[in-house]
Amino acid sequence: MPVRGDAPFLFQAIKSLSESSLRPAEVLIIDDGISGNTINDLSHSNFNLNLKLVKNKGIGLVNALNTGLNLASYELIARLDSDDMVHKNRLEEQSTLLISSPEVVVVGSQVTYIDSYNKILGSSSYPLGNLVNNEKFKSACLIAHPSVMCRKSSLKIVGGYREVAKIGSTSLCEDFDLWKRLAKVGELVNLGKNLTFYRQHPGQLSNQFRYAQELATMYVESDAFDRTGIKFEIMQLGHINSEEQIRKSIYNLSKKQRWKFDIYSRLIRSDLKWKSLQTWLGVIAIKFLNSIRK
């Protein structure tokens, strides 16, 4: 479980693990910049779990996920974000499937969407069966990342997580890239039951960087990273590294993708420029107010 900042829902996530019908043998909390108050609260918590607070070996989500992968003591690894929760039967049902089906390397679940107050907002409808055979598998992420349980040995075979796309310091589509590589090792499936509570709030990555996520998904779909070795990076004010080469890689997909790439890249630039202008105006306003007070 990678954690950063104040992590206001962290203790709800841990509590849900402590109430599982199959309790985890260990819970690795990867410190990717947790606030001092949260660390202090963790040290005084009493969930009757084998909690291990581990410092991220690098910086950012991908490094945090690989830190947890490398330090995990057991073959079956469940993912959970610090703002989500598990259903009490999730770990038991997912581990039962993986133990009885050696051909399966990843098992996800349906999710129940909740808000900041745990109010239910809806449910997912992720496809079932061997997802590798689904016609949308190569073009869309068909598994909720915080809902999965994986085999450590399979994750190690494909080299763990990779940072193939990012905006600023935020990784994008590391899960979609992983699923595509794991499909070469075994089957990926979703259970039909809602076994994960997936929190929706304004600070979520999907809400902050919608268009960037779309472009990163297209980049992973095109297999451009494996062909070119170029990381898809959206930098200051929406500029994209090696933009022409990346555009050509994505353009290999279809005319529709070419149109989407051009539209989304313009939207990203406009959005980031507007945010930069807002920040600049905010700084000017603060300086002006301070000058008046003097």
C-alpha atoms as a PDB file:
ATOM      1  CA  MET A   1       0.000   0.000   0.000  1.00  0.00           C
ATOM      2  CA  PRO A   2       1.840   3.164  -1.189  1.00  0.00           C
ATOM      3  CA  VAL A   3       1.043   6.159   1.032  1.00  0.00           C
ATOM      4  CA  ARG A   4       1.896   9.860   0.876  1.00  0.00           C
ATOM      5  CA  GLY A   5       0.795  13.071   2.550  1.00  0.00           C
ATOM      6  CA  ASP A   6      -1.789  13.103   5.336  1.00  0.00           C
ATOM      7  CA  ALA A   7      -3.612  10.045   3.898  1.00  0.00           C
ATOM      8  CA  PRO A   8      -6.952  10.880   5.594  1.00  0.00           C
ATOM      9  CA  PHE A   9      -8.522   7.497   4.759  1.00  0.00           C
ATOM     10  CA  LEU A  10      -5.517   5.318   5.619  1.00  0.00           C
ATOM     11  CA  PHE A  11      -6.864   4.027   8.938  1.00  0.00           C
ATOM     12  CA  GLN A  12     -10.172   3.057   7.345  1.00  0.00           C
ATOM     13  CA  ALA A  13      -8.212   1.029   4.782  1.00  0.00           C
ATOM     14  CA  ILE A  14      -6.174  -0.713   7.495  1.00  0.00           C
ATOM     15  CA  LYS A  15      -9.278  -1.338   9.613  1.00  0.00           C
ATOM     16  CA  SER A  16     -10.954  -3.091   6.676  1.00  0.00           C
ATOM     17  CA  LEU A  17      -7.929  -5.406   6.401  1.00  0.00           C
ATOM     18  CA  SER A  18      -8.050  -6.158  10.119  1.00  0.00           C
ATOM     19  CA  GLU A  19     -11.694  -7.240   9.750  1.00  0.00           C
ATOM     20  CA  SER A  20     -11.060  -9.593   6.795  1.00  0.00           C
ATOM     21  CA  SER A  21     -12.203 -13.200   7.007  1.00  0.00           C
ATOM     22  CA  LEU A  22      -8.652 -14.074   5.896  1.00  0.00           C
ATOM     23  CA  ARG A  23      -6.283 -11.717   7.648  1.00  0.00           C
ATOM     24  CA  PRO A  24      -3.119 -10.750   5.729  1.00  0.00           C
ATOM     25  CA  ALA A  25       0.146 -12.261   7.004  1.00  0.00           C
ATOM     26  CA  GLU A  26       1.762  -8.833   6.593  1.00  0.00           C
ATOM     27  CA  VAL A  27       0.709  -5.345   5.542  1.00  0.00           C
ATOM     28  CA  LEU A  28       3.455  -3.342   3.838  1.00  0.00           C
ATOM     29  CA  ILE A  29       2.860   0.403   4.046  1.00  0.00           C
ATOM     30  CA  ILE A  30       5.284   2.103   1.669  1.00  0.00           C
ATOM     31  CA  ASP A  31       6.217   5.593   2.850  1.00  0.00           C
ATOM     32  CA  ASP A  32       6.318   7.757  -0.276  1.00  0.00           C
ATOM     33  CA  GLY A  33       6.287  10.979   1.723  1.00  0.00           C
ATOM     34  CA  ILE A  34       3.842  10.393   4.578  1.00  0.00           C
ATOM     35  CA  SER A  35       3.273  13.367   6.884  1.00  0.00           C
ATOM     36  CA  GLY A  36       4.840  13.258  10.340  1.00  0.00           C
ATOM     37  CA  ASN A  37       1.458  13.260  12.102  1.00  0.00           C
ATOM     38  CA  THR A  38       0.292  10.210  10.140  1.00  0.00           C
ATOM     39  CA  ILE A  39       3.504   8.307  10.908  1.00  0.00           C
ATOM     40  CA  ASN A  40       3.078   9.142  14.579  1.00  0.00           C
ATOM     41  CA  ASP A  41      -0.532   7.926  14.538  1.00  0.00           C
ATOM     42  CA  LEU A  42       0.556   4.723  12.793  1.00  0.00           C
ATOM     43  CA  SER A  43       3.168   4.018  15.465  1.00  0.00           C
ATOM     44  CA  HIS A  44       0.474   4.228  18.142  1.00  0.00           C
ATOM     45  CA  SER A  45      -2.194   2.267  16.265  1.00  0.00           C
ATOM     46  CA  ASN A  46      -3.427  -1.127  17.415  1.00  0.00           C
ATOM     47  CA  PHE A  47      -5.046  -3.099  14.594  1.00  0.00           C
ATOM     48  CA  ASN A  48      -3.598  -6.463  15.601  1.00  0.00           C
ATOM     49  CA  LEU A  49      -1.972  -6.750  12.173  1.00  0.00           C
ATOM     50  CA  ASN A  50       1.621  -7.313  11.127  1.00  0.00           C
ATOM     51  CA  LEU A  51       2.079  -3.717   9.921  1.00  0.00           C
ATOM     52  CA  LYS A  52       5.431  -2.851   8.381  1.00  0.00           C
ATOM     53  CA  LEU A  53       6.219   0.782   7.572  1.00  0.00           C
ATOM     54  CA  VAL A  54       8.848   0.838   4.817  1.00  0.00           C
ATOM     55  CA  LYS A  55      10.569   3.821   3.232  1.00  0.00           C
ATOM     56  CA  ASN A  56      10.228   4.012  -0.553  1.00  0.00           C
ATOM     57  CA  LYS A  57      13.516   3.046  -2.216  1.00  0.00           C
ATOM     58  CA  GLY A  58      12.986   5.817  -4.772  1.00  0.00           C
ATOM     59  CA  ILE A  59      10.469   8.562  -5.429  1.00  0.00           C
ATOM     60  CA  GLY A  60       6.935   8.207  -6.754  1.00  0.00           C
ATOM     61  CA  LEU A  61       4.282   5.543  -7.200  1.00  0.00           C
ATOM     62  CA  VAL A  62       6.144   3.132  -9.491  1.00  0.00           C
ATOM     63  CA  ASN A  63       9.170   3.000  -7.195  1.00  0.00           C
ATOM     64  CA  ALA A  64       6.881   2.570  -4.182  1.00  0.00           C
ATOM     65  CA  LEU A  65       5.041  -0.336  -5.838  1.00  0.00           C
ATOM     66  CA  ASN A  66       8.315  -2.045  -6.759  1.00  0.00           C
ATOM     67  CA  THR A  67       9.657  -1.483  -3.236  1.00  0.00           C
ATOM     68  CA  GLY A  68       6.629  -3.309  -1.866  1.00  0.00           C
ATOM     69  CA  LEU A  69       6.931  -6.062  -4.483  1.00  0.00           C
ATOM     70  CA  ASN A  70      10.587  -6.703  -3.688  1.00  0.00           C
ATOM     71  CA  LEU A  71      10.071  -6.732   0.084  1.00  0.00           C
ATOM     72  CA  ALA A  72       6.909  -8.855   0.125  1.00  0.00           C
ATOM     73  CA  SER A  73       7.534 -12.081   2.038  1.00  0.00           C
ATOM     74  CA  TYR A  74       4.806 -14.153   0.404  1.00  0.00           C
ATOM     75  CA  GLU A  75       3.826 -15.361  -3.074  1.00  0.00           C
ATOM     76  CA  LEU A  76       0.329 -13.842  -3.134  1.00  0.00           C
ATOM     77  CA  ILE A  77       0.264 -10.045  -3.033  1.00  0.00           C
ATOM     78  CA  ALA A  78      -2.932  -8.004  -2.704  1.00  0.00           C
ATOM     79  CA  ARG A  79      -3.018  -4.350  -3.798  1.00  0.00           C
ATOM     80  CA  LEU A  80      -4.944  -1.653  -2.000  1.00  0.00           C
ATOM     81  CA  ASP A  81      -4.742   2.126  -2.152  1.00  0.00           C
ATOM     82  CA  SER A  82      -4.727   4.079   1.094  1.00  0.00           C
ATOM     83  CA  ASP A  83      -8.098   5.690   0.372  1.00  0.00           C
ATOM     84  CA  ASP A  84      -9.906   2.436  -0.482  1.00  0.00           C
ATOM     85  CA  MET A  85     -11.190  -0.527   1.573  1.00  0.00           C
ATOM     86  CA  VAL A  86     -11.546  -4.291   1.138  1.00  0.00           C
ATOM     87  CA  HIS A  87     -14.740  -6.285   1.570  1.00  0.00           C
ATOM     88  CA  LYS A  88     -14.301  -8.767   4.419  1.00  0.00           C
ATOM     89  CA  ASN A  89     -14.256 -11.743   1.989  1.00  0.00           C
ATOM     90  CA  ARG A  90     -11.986 -10.296  -0.699  1.00  0.00           C
ATOM     91  CA  LEU A  91      -8.648 -11.761   0.371  1.00  0.00           C
ATOM     92  CA  GLU A  92     -10.158 -15.174   1.053  1.00  0.00           C
ATOM     93  CA  GLU A  93     -11.957 -15.438  -2.284  1.00  0.00           C
ATOM     94  CA  GLN A  94      -9.060 -14.149  -4.373  1.00  0.00           C
ATOM     95  CA  SER A  95      -6.454 -16.369  -2.699  1.00  0.00           C
ATOM     96  CA  THR A  96      -8.744 -19.396  -3.064  1.00  0.00           C
ATOM     97  CA  LEU A  97      -8.988 -18.813  -6.817  1.00  0.00           C
ATOM     98  CA  LEU A  98      -5.232 -18.319  -7.271  1.00  0.00           C
ATOM     99  CA  ILE A  99      -4.387 -21.446  -5.256  1.00  0.00           C
ATOM    100  CA  SER A 100      -6.871 -23.589  -7.190  1.00  0.00           C
ATOM    101  CA  SER A 101      -6.039 -22.099 -10.642  1.00  0.00           C
ATOM    102  CA  PRO A 102      -2.283 -22.000 -11.276  1.00  0.00           C
ATOM    103  CA  GLU A 103      -2.853 -20.633 -14.798  1.00  0.00           C
ATOM    104  CA  VAL A 104      -4.244 -17.372 -13.338  1.00  0.00           C
ATOM    105  CA  VAL A 105      -1.633 -14.724 -12.457  1.00  0.00           C
ATOM    106  CA  VAL A 106      -3.911 -11.786 -11.565  1.00  0.00           C
ATOM    107  CA  VAL A 107      -7.416 -11.706 -10.114  1.00  0.00           C
ATOM    108  CA  GLY A 108      -9.382  -8.485  -9.722  1.00  0.00           C
ATOM    109  CA  SER A 109     -12.886  -7.815  -8.477  1.00  0.00           C
ATOM    110  CA  GLN A 110     -15.831  -5.588  -9.148  1.00  0.00           C
ATOM    111  CA  VAL A 111     -15.728  -2.423  -7.058  1.00  0.00           C
ATOM    112  CA  THR A 112     -18.292  -0.419  -5.119  1.00  0.00           C
ATOM    113  CA  TYR A 113     -17.720   3.300  -5.664  1.00  0.00           C
ATOM    114  CA  ILE A 114     -17.938   5.403  -2.505  1.00  0.00           C
ATOM    115  CA  ASP A 115     -17.454   9.077  -1.710  1.00  0.00           C
ATOM    116  CA  SER A 116     -15.427  10.731   1.050  1.00  0.00           C
ATOM    117  CA  TYR A 117     -18.173   9.917   3.552  1.00  0.00           C
ATOM    118  CA  ASN A 118     -18.441   6.228   2.552  1.00  0.00           C
ATOM    119  CA  LYS A 119     -21.726   6.865   0.773  1.00  0.00           C
ATOM    120  CA  ILE A 120     -22.252   4.347  -2.047  1.00  0.00           C
ATOM    121  CA  LEU A 121     -22.195   5.972  -5.481  1.00  0.00           C
ATOM    122  CA  GLY A 122     -22.483   2.921  -7.733  1.00  0.00           C
ATOM    123  CA  SER A 123     -20.818  -0.284  -8.887  1.00  0.00           C
ATOM    124  CA  SER A 124     -18.403  -1.336 -11.634  1.00  0.00           C
ATOM    125  CA  SER A 125     -19.127  -3.757 -14.457  1.00  0.00           C
ATOM    126  CA  TYR A 126     -15.659  -4.985 -15.401  1.00  0.00           C
ATOM    127  CA  PRO A 127     -15.695  -7.939 -17.838  1.00  0.00           C
ATOM    128  CA  LEU A 128     -15.353 -11.505 -16.533  1.00  0.00           C
ATOM    129  CA  GLY A 129     -13.486 -14.561 -17.816  1.00  0.00           C
ATOM    130  CA  ASN A 130      -9.933 -14.597 -19.175  1.00  0.00           C
ATOM    131  CA  LEU A 131      -9.454 -10.916 -20.002  1.00  0.00           C
ATOM    132  CA  VAL A 132      -6.620 -11.674 -22.415  1.00  0.00           C
ATOM    133  CA  ASN A 133      -9.272 -12.971 -24.820  1.00  0.00           C
ATOM    134  CA  ASN A 134     -11.388  -9.814 -24.515  1.00  0.00           C
ATOM    135  CA  GLU A 135     -11.317  -7.671 -27.667  1.00  0.00           C
ATOM    136  CA  LYS A 136     -10.777  -4.521 -25.579  1.00  0.00           C
ATOM    137  CA  PHE A 137      -7.865  -5.897 -23.543  1.00  0.00           C
ATOM    138  CA  LYS A 138      -5.136  -4.284 -25.678  1.00  0.00           C
ATOM    139  CA  SER A 139      -6.795  -0.863 -25.818  1.00  0.00           C
ATOM    140  CA  ALA A 140      -8.280  -0.335 -22.341  1.00  0.00           C
ATOM    141  CA  CYS A 141      -7.532  -1.098 -18.702  1.00  0.00           C
ATOM    142  CA  LEU A 142     -10.087  -3.789 -17.778  1.00  0.00           C
ATOM    143  CA  ILE A 143      -9.004  -4.319 -14.162  1.00  0.00           C
ATOM    144  CA  ALA A 144      -9.286  -1.977 -11.183  1.00  0.00           C
ATOM    145  CA  HIS A 145      -5.715  -1.804  -9.919  1.00  0.00           C
ATOM    146  CA  PRO A 146      -6.577  -1.436  -6.193  1.00  0.00           C
ATOM    147  CA  SER A 147      -8.759  -4.559  -6.429  1.00  0.00           C
ATOM    148  CA  VAL A 148      -6.156  -7.087  -7.544  1.00  0.00           C
ATOM    149  CA  MET A 149      -4.279  -9.987  -6.017  1.00  0.00           C
ATOM    150  CA  CYS A 150      -1.219 -11.166  -7.981  1.00  0.00           C
ATOM    151  CA  ARG A 151       1.493 -13.795  -7.907  1.00  0.00           C
ATOM    152  CA  LYS A 152       4.842 -12.312  -6.874  1.00  0.00           C
ATOM    153  CA  SER A 153       6.719 -14.787  -9.077  1.00  0.00           C
ATOM    154  CA  SER A 154       4.764 -13.649 -12.152  1.00  0.00           C
ATOM    155  CA  LEU A 155       5.366  -9.981 -11.372  1.00  0.00           C
ATOM    156  CA  LYS A 156       9.090 -10.657 -11.071  1.00  0.00           C
ATOM    157  CA  ILE A 157       9.154 -12.544 -14.391  1.00  0.00           C
ATOM    158  CA  VAL A 158       7.939  -9.457 -16.279  1.00  0.00           C
ATOM    159  CA  GLY A 159      10.184  -7.088 -14.327  1.00  0.00           C
ATOM    160  CA  GLY A 160       7.589  -5.525 -12.022  1.00  0.00           C
ATOM    161  CA  TYR A 161       6.162  -2.083 -12.626  1.00  0.00           C
ATOM    162  CA  ARG A 162       7.605   0.326 -15.200  1.00  0.00           C
ATOM    163  CA  GLU A 163       7.293   4.078 -15.519  1.00  0.00           C
ATOM    164  CA  VAL A 164       6.402   4.422 -19.178  1.00  0.00           C
ATOM    165  CA  ALA A 165       4.320   7.602 -18.923  1.00  0.00           C
ATOM    166  CA  LYS A 166       4.068  10.528 -16.517  1.00  0.00           C
ATOM    167  CA  ILE A 167       2.857  14.104 -16.111  1.00  0.00           C
ATOM    168  CA  GLY A 168       5.223  16.124 -13.975  1.00  0.00           C
ATOM    169  CA  SER A 169       6.164  13.723 -11.161  1.00  0.00           C
ATOM    170  CA  THR A 170       2.958  11.652 -11.424  1.00  0.00           C
ATOM    171  CA  SER A 171       3.083   8.207 -13.064  1.00  0.00           C
ATOM    172  CA  LEU A 172       0.388   7.283 -15.582  1.00  0.00           C
ATOM    173  CA  CYS A 173      -0.950   3.904 -16.771  1.00  0.00           C
ATOM    174  CA  GLU A 174       1.611   1.800 -14.886  1.00  0.00           C
ATOM    175  CA  ASP A 175      -1.173  -0.734 -14.269  1.00  0.00           C
ATOM    176  CA  PHE A 176      -2.295  -1.022 -17.927  1.00  0.00           C
ATOM    177  CA  ASP A 177       1.342  -1.519 -18.988  1.00  0.00           C
ATOM    178  CA  LEU A 178       1.736  -4.264 -16.364  1.00  0.00           C
ATOM    179  CA  TRP A 179      -1.437  -6.138 -17.395  1.00  0.00           C
ATOM    180  CA  LYS A 180      -0.304  -6.243 -21.036  1.00  0.00           C
ATOM    181  CA  ARG A 181       3.034  -7.776 -20.058  1.00  0.00           C
ATOM    182  CA  LEU A 182       1.507 -10.234 -17.564  1.00  0.00           C
ATOM    183  CA  ALA A 183      -0.803 -11.504 -20.314  1.00  0.00           C
ATOM    184  CA  LYS A 184       2.279 -13.235 -21.778  1.00  0.00           C
ATOM    185  CA  VAL A 185       2.711 -15.210 -18.533  1.00  0.00           C
ATOM    186  CA  GLY A 186      -0.816 -16.338 -17.678  1.00  0.00           C
ATOM    187  CA  GLU A 187      -4.490 -15.462 -17.377  1.00  0.00           C
ATOM    188  CA  LEU A 188      -5.947 -12.290 -15.868  1.00  0.00           C
ATOM    189  CA  VAL A 189      -9.499 -12.530 -14.527  1.00  0.00           C
ATOM    190  CA  ASN A 190     -12.066 -10.507 -12.614  1.00  0.00           C
ATOM    191  CA  LEU A 191     -14.437 -11.932 -10.037  1.00  0.00           C
ATOM    192  CA  GLY A 192     -18.081 -10.978 -10.427  1.00  0.00           C
ATOM    193  CA  LYS A 193     -18.477  -9.905  -6.798  1.00  0.00           C
ATOM    194  CA  ASN A 194     -17.976  -6.387  -5.416  1.00  0.00           C
ATOM    195  CA  LEU A 195     -15.028  -7.010  -3.113  1.00  0.00           C
ATOM    196  CA  THR A 196     -13.352  -3.584  -3.081  1.00  0.00           C
ATOM    197  CA  PHE A 197     -14.631  -0.188  -1.984  1.00  0.00           C
ATOM    198  CA  TYR A 198     -13.157   2.318  -4.454  1.00  0.00           C
ATOM    199  CA  ARG A 199     -13.220   5.906  -3.217  1.00  0.00           C
ATOM    200  CA  GLN A 200     -14.062   8.771  -5.578  1.00  0.00           C
ATOM    201  CA  HIS A 201     -12.882  12.271  -4.635  1.00  0.00           C
ATOM    202  CA  PRO A 202     -11.606  15.451  -6.366  1.00  0.00           C
ATOM    203  CA  GLY A 203      -7.946  14.731  -5.562  1.00  0.00           C
ATOM    204  CA  GLN A 204      -7.913  11.484  -7.534  1.00  0.00           C
ATOM    205  CA  LEU A 205      -5.473  11.080 -10.398  1.00  0.00           C
ATOM    206  CA  SER A 206      -8.294  10.319 -12.837  1.00  0.00           C
ATOM    207  CA  ASN A 207      -9.974  13.616 -11.937  1.00  0.00           C
ATOM    208  CA  GLN A 208      -6.813  15.713 -12.049  1.00  0.00           C
ATOM    209  CA  PHE A 209      -5.277  14.416 -15.275  1.00  0.00           C
ATOM    210  CA  ARG A 210      -8.097  13.012 -17.392  1.00  0.00           C
ATOM    211  CA  TYR A 211      -6.664  13.974 -20.798  1.00  0.00           C
ATOM    212  CA  ALA A 212      -3.136  12.978 -19.828  1.00  0.00           C
ATOM    213  CA  GLN A 213      -4.471   9.546 -18.804  1.00  0.00           C
ATOM    214  CA  GLU A 214      -6.158   9.205 -22.208  1.00  0.00           C
ATOM    215  CA  LEU A 215      -2.928   9.984 -24.067  1.00  0.00           C
ATOM    216  CA  ALA A 216      -0.881   7.679 -21.830  1.00  0.00           C
ATOM    217  CA  THR A 217      -3.376   4.859 -22.458  1.00  0.00           C
ATOM    218  CA  MET A 218      -2.965   5.360 -26.200  1.00  0.00           C
ATOM    219  CA  TYR A 219       0.814   5.296 -25.787  1.00  0.00           C
ATOM    220  CA  VAL A 220       0.751   2.005 -23.855  1.00  0.00           C
ATOM    221  CA  GLU A 221      -1.733   0.554 -26.360  1.00  0.00           C
ATOM    222  CA  SER A 222       0.673   1.319 -29.224  1.00  0.00           C
ATOM    223  CA  ASP A 223       3.560  -0.572 -27.509  1.00  0.00           C
ATOM    224  CA  ALA A 224       5.668   2.474 -28.336  1.00  0.00           C
ATOM    225  CA  PHE A 225       7.811   2.243 -25.195  1.00  0.00           C
ATOM    226  CA  ASP A 226       9.000  -1.268 -26.099  1.00  0.00           C
ATOM    227  CA  ARG A 227       9.691  -0.184 -29.683  1.00  0.00           C
ATOM    228  CA  THR A 228      11.368   3.173 -29.001  1.00  0.00           C
ATOM    229  CA  GLY A 229      12.447   3.132 -25.337  1.00  0.00           C
ATOM    230  CA  ILE A 230      11.100   6.685 -25.037  1.00  0.00           C
ATOM    231  CA  LYS A 231       9.123   7.544 -21.915  1.00  0.00           C
ATOM    232  CA  PHE A 232       5.935   9.509 -22.575  1.00  0.00           C
ATOM    233  CA  GLU A 233       6.341  12.645 -20.440  1.00  0.00           C
ATOM    234  CA  ILE A 234       4.051  15.655 -20.251  1.00  0.00           C
ATOM    235  CA  MET A 235       6.212  18.446 -18.936  1.00  0.00           C
ATOM    236  CA  GLN A 236       5.742  22.085 -17.953  1.00  0.00           C
ATOM    237  CA  LEU A 237       2.798  23.802 -19.673  1.00  0.00           C
ATOM    238  CA  GLY A 238       1.833  20.578 -21.434  1.00  0.00           C
ATOM    239  CA  HIS A 239       4.876  20.142 -23.640  1.00  0.00           C
ATOM    240  CA  ILE A 240       5.494  16.481 -24.544  1.00  0.00           C
ATOM    241  CA  ASN A 241       9.007  15.053 -24.773  1.00  0.00           C
ATOM    242  CA  SER A 242      10.014  13.706 -28.206  1.00  0.00           C
ATOM    243  CA  GLU A 243       6.543  14.772 -29.337  1.00  0.00           C
ATOM    244  CA  GLU A 244       6.949  14.053 -33.050  1.00  0.00           C
ATOM    245  CA  GLN A 245       8.314  10.555 -32.468  1.00  0.00           C
ATOM    246  CA  ILE A 246       5.579   9.813 -29.943  1.00  0.00           C
ATOM    247  CA  ARG A 247       2.928  11.214 -32.288  1.00  0.00           C
ATOM    248  CA  LYS A 248       4.139   8.897 -35.053  1.00  0.00           C
ATOM    249  CA  SER A 249       4.073   5.908 -32.690  1.00  0.00           C
ATOM    250  CA  ILE A 250       0.498   6.628 -31.661  1.00  0.00           C
ATOM    251  CA  TYR A 251      -0.503   7.498 -35.220  1.00  0.00           C
ATOM    252  CA  ASN A 252       0.215   3.896 -36.178  1.00  0.00           C
ATOM    253  CA  LEU A 253      -3.031   2.954 -34.407  1.00  0.00           C
ATOM    254  CA  SER A 254      -5.818   4.621 -36.405  1.00  0.00           C
ATOM    255  CA  LYS A 255      -7.121   7.911 -37.794  1.00  0.00           C
ATOM    256  CA  LYS A 256      -9.336   8.222 -34.723  1.00  0.00           C
ATOM    257  CA  GLN A 257      -6.284   7.984 -32.462  1.00  0.00           C
ATOM    258  CA  ARG A 258      -4.496  10.679 -34.465  1.00  0.00           C
ATOM    259  CA  TRP A 259      -7.471  12.981 -33.930  1.00  0.00           C
ATOM    260  CA  LYS A 260      -7.642  12.157 -30.212  1.00  0.00           C
ATOM    261  CA  PHE A 261      -3.911  12.740 -29.755  1.00  0.00           C
ATOM    262  CA  ASP A 262      -4.036  16.226 -31.291  1.00  0.00           C
ATOM    263  CA  ILE A 263      -7.213  17.246 -29.441  1.00  0.00           C
ATOM    264  CA  TYR A 264      -6.094  15.935 -26.029  1.00  0.00           C
ATOM    265  CA  SER A 265      -2.586  17.382 -26.286  1.00  0.00           C
ATOM    266  CA  ARG A 266      -4.122  20.813 -26.992  1.00  0.00           C
ATOM    267  CA  LEU A 267      -6.541  20.438 -24.094  1.00  0.00           C
ATOM    268  CA  ILE A 268      -3.662  19.506 -21.771  1.00  0.00           C
ATOM    269  CA  ARG A 269      -1.674  22.564 -22.811  1.00  0.00           C
ATOM    270  CA  SER A 270      -4.673  24.853 -22.312  1.00  0.00           C
ATOM    271  CA  ASP A 271      -5.463  23.325 -18.919  1.00  0.00           C
ATOM    272  CA  LEU A 272      -1.896  23.531 -17.595  1.00  0.00           C
ATOM    273  CA  LYS A 273      -1.421  27.066 -18.896  1.00  0.00           C
ATOM    274  CA  TRP A 274      -4.638  28.136 -17.152  1.00  0.00           C
ATOM    275  CA  LYS A 275      -3.505  26.519 -13.893  1.00  0.00           C
ATOM    276  CA  SER A 276      -0.121  28.250 -14.229  1.00  0.00           C
ATOM    277  CA  LEU A 277      -1.883  31.592 -14.787  1.00  0.00           C
ATOM    278  CA  GLN A 278      -4.084  30.978 -11.728  1.00  0.00           C
ATOM    279  CA  THR A 279      -0.986  30.281  -9.605  1.00  0.00           C
ATOM    280  CA  TRP A 280       0.732  33.427 -10.913  1.00  0.00           C
ATOM    281  CA  LEU A 281      -2.360  35.569 -10.225  1.00  0.00           C
ATOM    282  CA  GLY A 282      -2.597  34.057  -6.743  1.00  0.00           C
ATOM    283  CA  VAL A 283       1.010  35.027  -5.969  1.00  0.00           C
ATOM    284  CA  ILE A 284       0.418  38.583  -7.253  1.00  0.00           C
ATOM    285  CA  ALA A 285      -2.749  38.884  -5.140  1.00  0.00           C
ATOM    286  CA  ILE A 286      -0.940  37.746  -1.979  1.00  0.00           C
ATOM    287  CA  LYS A 287       1.902  40.215  -2.579  1.00  0.00           C
ATOM    288  CA  PHE A 288      -0.630  43.014  -3.150  1.00  0.00           C
ATOM    289  CA  LEU A 289      -2.542  42.198   0.049  1.00  0.00           C
ATOM    290  CA  ASN A 290       0.684  42.062   2.040  1.00  0.00           C
ATOM    291  CA  SER A 291       1.735  45.476   0.665  1.00  0.00           C
ATOM    292  CA  ILE A 292      -1.634  46.954   1.751  1.00  0.00           C
ATOM    293  CA  ARG A 293      -1.265  45.581   5.280  1.00  0.00           C
ATOM    294  CA  LYS A 294       2.129  47.248   5.589  1.00  0.00           C
END
